[in-house]
Amino acid sequence: MDALMLEGWTPILLIGIVVAIVIFFISRKISKKALFLISIVLSLVCVGIVFYSREVIGGWDGIGLAFVTFSGLIGIWVGTISGVSIKK
């Protein structure tokens, strides 16, 4: 029964996990300054998408897009922090 409850959340969770892994591997190839710049730019894009989904789209579709964007935003910063902490 728990698998059925997780079914709708799986794509949202997978997006966050994939983004975190991609940012982690990118962090191993570039400098810390460039990594933080990329993370900040991607975070601003995510915040813009959240505002767009709330104001323009609205309804359940907007809420779904906001959840996916928040998952990506969390993935960006988890990947950034883990990449910087391991790169020391």
C-alpha atoms as a PDB file:
ATOM      1  CA  MET A   1       0.000   0.000   0.000  1.00  0.00           C
ATOM      2  CA  ASP A   2       2.906   2.374   0.663  1.00  0.00           C
ATOM      3  CA  ALA A   3       4.087   1.854  -2.909  1.00  0.00           C
ATOM      4  CA  LEU A   4       0.737   3.065  -4.194  1.00  0.00           C
ATOM      5  CA  MET A   5       0.976   6.223  -2.090  1.00  0.00           C
ATOM      6  CA  LEU A   6       4.483   6.896  -3.371  1.00  0.00           C
ATOM      7  CA  GLU A   7       3.504   6.398  -7.007  1.00  0.00           C
ATOM      8  CA  GLY A   8       2.471  10.003  -7.624  1.00  0.00           C
ATOM      9  CA  TRP A   9       5.522  11.419  -5.834  1.00  0.00           C
ATOM     10  CA  THR A  10       8.091   9.242  -7.596  1.00  0.00           C
ATOM     11  CA  PRO A  11       8.723  11.561 -10.584  1.00  0.00           C
ATOM     12  CA  ILE A  12       9.045  14.562  -8.287  1.00  0.00           C
ATOM     13  CA  LEU A  13      11.520  12.756  -6.019  1.00  0.00           C
ATOM     14  CA  LEU A  14      13.480  11.407  -8.984  1.00  0.00           C
ATOM     15  CA  ILE A  15      13.904  14.887 -10.448  1.00  0.00           C
ATOM     16  CA  GLY A  16      15.425  16.127  -7.192  1.00  0.00           C
ATOM     17  CA  ILE A  17      17.733  13.119  -6.940  1.00  0.00           C
ATOM     18  CA  VAL A  18      18.883  13.370 -10.563  1.00  0.00           C
ATOM     19  CA  VAL A  19      19.550  17.111 -10.241  1.00  0.00           C
ATOM     20  CA  ALA A  20      21.557  16.533  -7.048  1.00  0.00           C
ATOM     21  CA  ILE A  21      23.670  13.856  -8.742  1.00  0.00           C
ATOM     22  CA  VAL A  22      24.298  16.014 -11.825  1.00  0.00           C
ATOM     23  CA  ILE A  23      25.324  19.031  -9.735  1.00  0.00           C
ATOM     24  CA  PHE A  24      27.556  16.797  -7.613  1.00  0.00           C
ATOM     25  CA  PHE A  25      29.423  15.526 -10.666  1.00  0.00           C
ATOM     26  CA  ILE A  26      29.663  19.029 -12.117  1.00  0.00           C
ATOM     27  CA  SER A  27      31.158  20.245  -8.825  1.00  0.00           C
ATOM     28  CA  ARG A  28      34.077  17.856  -9.236  1.00  0.00           C
ATOM     29  CA  LYS A  29      35.071  19.435 -12.570  1.00  0.00           C
ATOM     30  CA  ILE A  30      34.733  23.184 -11.937  1.00  0.00           C
ATOM     31  CA  SER A  31      35.878  25.667  -9.303  1.00  0.00           C
ATOM     32  CA  LYS A  32      33.868  26.538  -6.213  1.00  0.00           C
ATOM     33  CA  LYS A  33      33.201  30.052  -7.462  1.00  0.00           C
ATOM     34  CA  ALA A  34      31.776  28.787 -10.756  1.00  0.00           C
ATOM     35  CA  LEU A  35      29.739  26.146  -8.931  1.00  0.00           C
ATOM     36  CA  PHE A  36      28.121  28.700  -6.639  1.00  0.00           C
ATOM     37  CA  LEU A  37      27.437  30.987  -9.605  1.00  0.00           C
ATOM     38  CA  ILE A  38      25.727  28.161 -11.501  1.00  0.00           C
ATOM     39  CA  SER A  39      23.734  27.183  -8.390  1.00  0.00           C
ATOM     40  CA  ILE A  40      22.568  30.740  -7.793  1.00  0.00           C
ATOM     41  CA  VAL A  41      21.506  31.206 -11.423  1.00  0.00           C
ATOM     42  CA  LEU A  42      19.614  27.902 -11.424  1.00  0.00           C
ATOM     43  CA  SER A  43      17.992  28.820  -8.102  1.00  0.00           C
ATOM     44  CA  LEU A  44      16.789  32.130  -9.514  1.00  0.00           C
ATOM     45  CA  VAL A  45      15.342  30.277 -12.505  1.00  0.00           C
ATOM     46  CA  CYS A  46      13.524  27.931 -10.107  1.00  0.00           C
ATOM     47  CA  VAL A  47      12.113  30.841  -8.113  1.00  0.00           C
ATOM     48  CA  GLY A  48      10.947  32.448 -11.353  1.00  0.00           C
ATOM     49  CA  ILE A  49       9.210  29.237 -12.387  1.00  0.00           C
ATOM     50  CA  VAL A  50       7.459  29.050  -9.002  1.00  0.00           C
ATOM     51  CA  PHE A  51       6.136  32.602  -9.410  1.00  0.00           C
ATOM     52  CA  TYR A  52       5.099  31.813 -12.978  1.00  0.00           C
ATOM     53  CA  SER A  53       3.281  28.648 -11.912  1.00  0.00           C
ATOM     54  CA  ARG A  54       1.470  30.492  -9.154  1.00  0.00           C
ATOM     55  CA  GLU A  55       0.449  33.627 -11.022  1.00  0.00           C
ATOM     56  CA  VAL A  56       0.006  32.554 -14.644  1.00  0.00           C
ATOM     57  CA  ILE A  57      -0.885  28.874 -14.573  1.00  0.00           C
ATOM     58  CA  GLY A  58      -2.668  28.623 -11.213  1.00  0.00           C
ATOM     59  CA  GLY A  59      -4.800  25.734 -10.053  1.00  0.00           C
ATOM     60  CA  TRP A  60      -3.570  22.187  -9.617  1.00  0.00           C
ATOM     61  CA  ASP A  61      -1.297  22.380 -12.647  1.00  0.00           C
ATOM     62  CA  GLY A  62       0.555  25.294 -11.088  1.00  0.00           C
ATOM     63  CA  ILE A  63       0.878  23.473  -7.787  1.00  0.00           C
ATOM     64  CA  GLY A  64       2.306  20.429  -9.554  1.00  0.00           C
ATOM     65  CA  LEU A  65       4.845  22.549 -11.404  1.00  0.00           C
ATOM     66  CA  ALA A  66       5.788  24.265  -8.138  1.00  0.00           C
ATOM     67  CA  PHE A  67       6.405  20.888  -6.430  1.00  0.00           C
ATOM     68  CA  VAL A  68       8.641  19.758  -9.286  1.00  0.00           C
ATOM     69  CA  THR A  69      10.523  23.065  -9.163  1.00  0.00           C
ATOM     70  CA  PHE A  70      10.999  22.874  -5.384  1.00  0.00           C
ATOM     71  CA  SER A  71      12.339  19.361  -5.795  1.00  0.00           C
ATOM     72  CA  GLY A  72      14.822  20.610  -8.370  1.00  0.00           C
ATOM     73  CA  LEU A  73      15.786  23.537  -6.129  1.00  0.00           C
ATOM     74  CA  ILE A  74      16.469  21.236  -3.200  1.00  0.00           C
ATOM     75  CA  GLY A  75      18.449  18.951  -5.512  1.00  0.00           C
ATOM     76  CA  ILE A  76      20.556  21.888  -6.705  1.00  0.00           C
ATOM     77  CA  TRP A  77      21.573  22.885  -3.201  1.00  0.00           C
ATOM     78  CA  VAL A  78      22.051  19.342  -1.891  1.00  0.00           C
ATOM     79  CA  GLY A  79      24.354  18.633  -4.838  1.00  0.00           C
ATOM     80  CA  THR A  80      26.193  21.921  -4.358  1.00  0.00           C
ATOM     81  CA  ILE A  81      26.744  21.467  -0.629  1.00  0.00           C
ATOM     82  CA  SER A  82      27.779  17.834  -0.926  1.00  0.00           C
ATOM     83  CA  GLY A  83      30.109  18.597  -3.841  1.00  0.00           C
ATOM     84  CA  VAL A  84      31.795  21.465  -2.011  1.00  0.00           C
ATOM     85  CA  SER A  85      32.146  19.515   1.229  1.00  0.00           C
ATOM     86  CA  ILE A  86      33.742  16.524  -0.505  1.00  0.00           C
ATOM     87  CA  LYS A  87      35.963  18.659  -2.750  1.00  0.00           C
ATOM     88  CA  LYS A  88      37.828  20.273   0.182  1.00  0.00           C
END
